[in-house]
């Protein structure tokens, strides 16, 4: 998916993604996990993000299919 979201390095995102409980792998409705990150760079197929202790890529195909939801801006707690 070559979609440009117009993200700049330093933009802060909140990411919500589905996760499966490892103790109950057959339960598809295990819940959602919300995490905050900082954008390092936006590539044509993925977004490179910094989660503090580690870096991770977010696939744009998952965002397009709504497996992962993103929104800009979050408040420091």
Protein backbone atom coordinates (compact mmCIF):
# COMPACT_ATOMS: atom_id res chain seq x y z
CA UNK A 1 0.00 0.00 0.00
CA UNK A 2 1.70 3.14 -1.16
CA UNK A 3 -0.36 5.60 0.87
CA UNK A 4 1.21 8.81 2.15
CA UNK A 5 -0.13 9.88 5.55
CA UNK A 6 2.04 13.01 5.64
CA UNK A 7 3.80 12.04 8.86
CA UNK A 8 6.94 13.91 9.80
CA UNK A 9 9.77 12.71 12.06
CA UNK A 10 8.84 13.63 15.61
CA UNK A 11 5.07 13.35 15.13
CA UNK A 12 3.43 11.51 18.00
CA UNK A 13 0.93 8.75 17.32
CA UNK A 14 -1.39 6.61 19.36
CA UNK A 15 -1.73 3.09 17.97
CA UNK A 16 -4.53 0.68 18.78
CA UNK A 17 -4.13 -2.91 17.63
CA UNK A 18 -5.86 -6.18 18.30
CA UNK A 19 -3.97 -8.80 20.28
CA UNK A 20 -4.59 -12.45 21.02
CA UNK A 21 -4.26 -13.76 24.55
CA UNK A 22 -1.53 -16.46 24.50
CA UNK A 23 -3.36 -18.45 27.18
CA UNK A 24 -6.54 -18.58 25.05
CA UNK A 25 -5.37 -18.52 21.40
CA UNK A 26 -8.76 -19.63 20.04
CA UNK A 27 -10.46 -16.54 21.47
CA UNK A 28 -10.21 -13.99 18.63
CA UNK A 29 -11.83 -11.23 20.70
CA UNK A 30 -9.01 -11.07 23.25
CA UNK A 31 -8.97 -7.29 23.22
CA UNK A 32 -7.08 -4.29 21.97
CA UNK A 33 -3.79 -2.80 23.04
CA UNK A 34 -3.11 0.94 22.90
CA UNK A 35 0.44 2.28 22.69
CA UNK A 36 2.03 5.68 22.13
CA UNK A 37 4.98 6.22 19.81
CA UNK A 38 7.03 8.81 17.96
CA UNK A 39 7.43 8.64 14.18
CA UNK A 40 11.02 8.21 13.03
CA UNK A 41 10.32 8.00 9.29
CA UNK A 42 7.47 7.22 6.93
CA UNK A 43 8.29 4.80 4.11
CA UNK A 44 5.97 3.87 1.19
CA UNK A 45 4.98 0.50 2.72
CA UNK A 46 5.42 1.06 6.47
CA UNK A 47 5.98 3.61 9.26
CA UNK A 48 9.09 3.32 11.43
CA UNK A 49 8.15 4.24 15.00
CA UNK A 50 10.00 4.62 18.30
CA UNK A 51 8.23 3.17 21.35
CA UNK A 52 10.88 4.26 23.85
CA UNK A 53 12.82 1.09 24.62
CA UNK A 54 12.55 -0.30 21.08
CA UNK A 55 11.69 0.57 17.47
CA UNK A 56 9.05 -1.13 15.38
CA UNK A 57 7.61 -0.87 11.88
CA UNK A 58 3.87 -0.45 11.38
CA UNK A 59 2.63 -1.98 8.14
CA UNK A 60 0.39 0.39 6.13
CA UNK A 61 -1.62 -2.55 4.76
CA UNK A 62 -2.74 -3.31 8.33
CA UNK A 63 -3.78 0.32 8.78
CA UNK A 64 -5.70 0.27 5.50
CA UNK A 65 -7.52 -2.96 6.49
CA UNK A 66 -8.26 -1.43 9.93
CA UNK A 67 -6.40 -4.15 11.82
CA UNK A 68 -4.38 -1.30 13.33
CA UNK A 69 -5.84 2.14 14.08
CA UNK A 70 -3.65 5.24 14.35
CA UNK A 71 -4.36 8.81 15.34
CA UNK A 72 -2.08 11.78 15.77
CA UNK A 73 -1.38 13.53 19.02
CA UNK A 74 -1.39 12.30 22.57
CA UNK A 75 -0.91 13.97 25.91
CA UNK A 76 2.02 13.26 28.21
CA UNK A 77 0.79 11.71 31.43
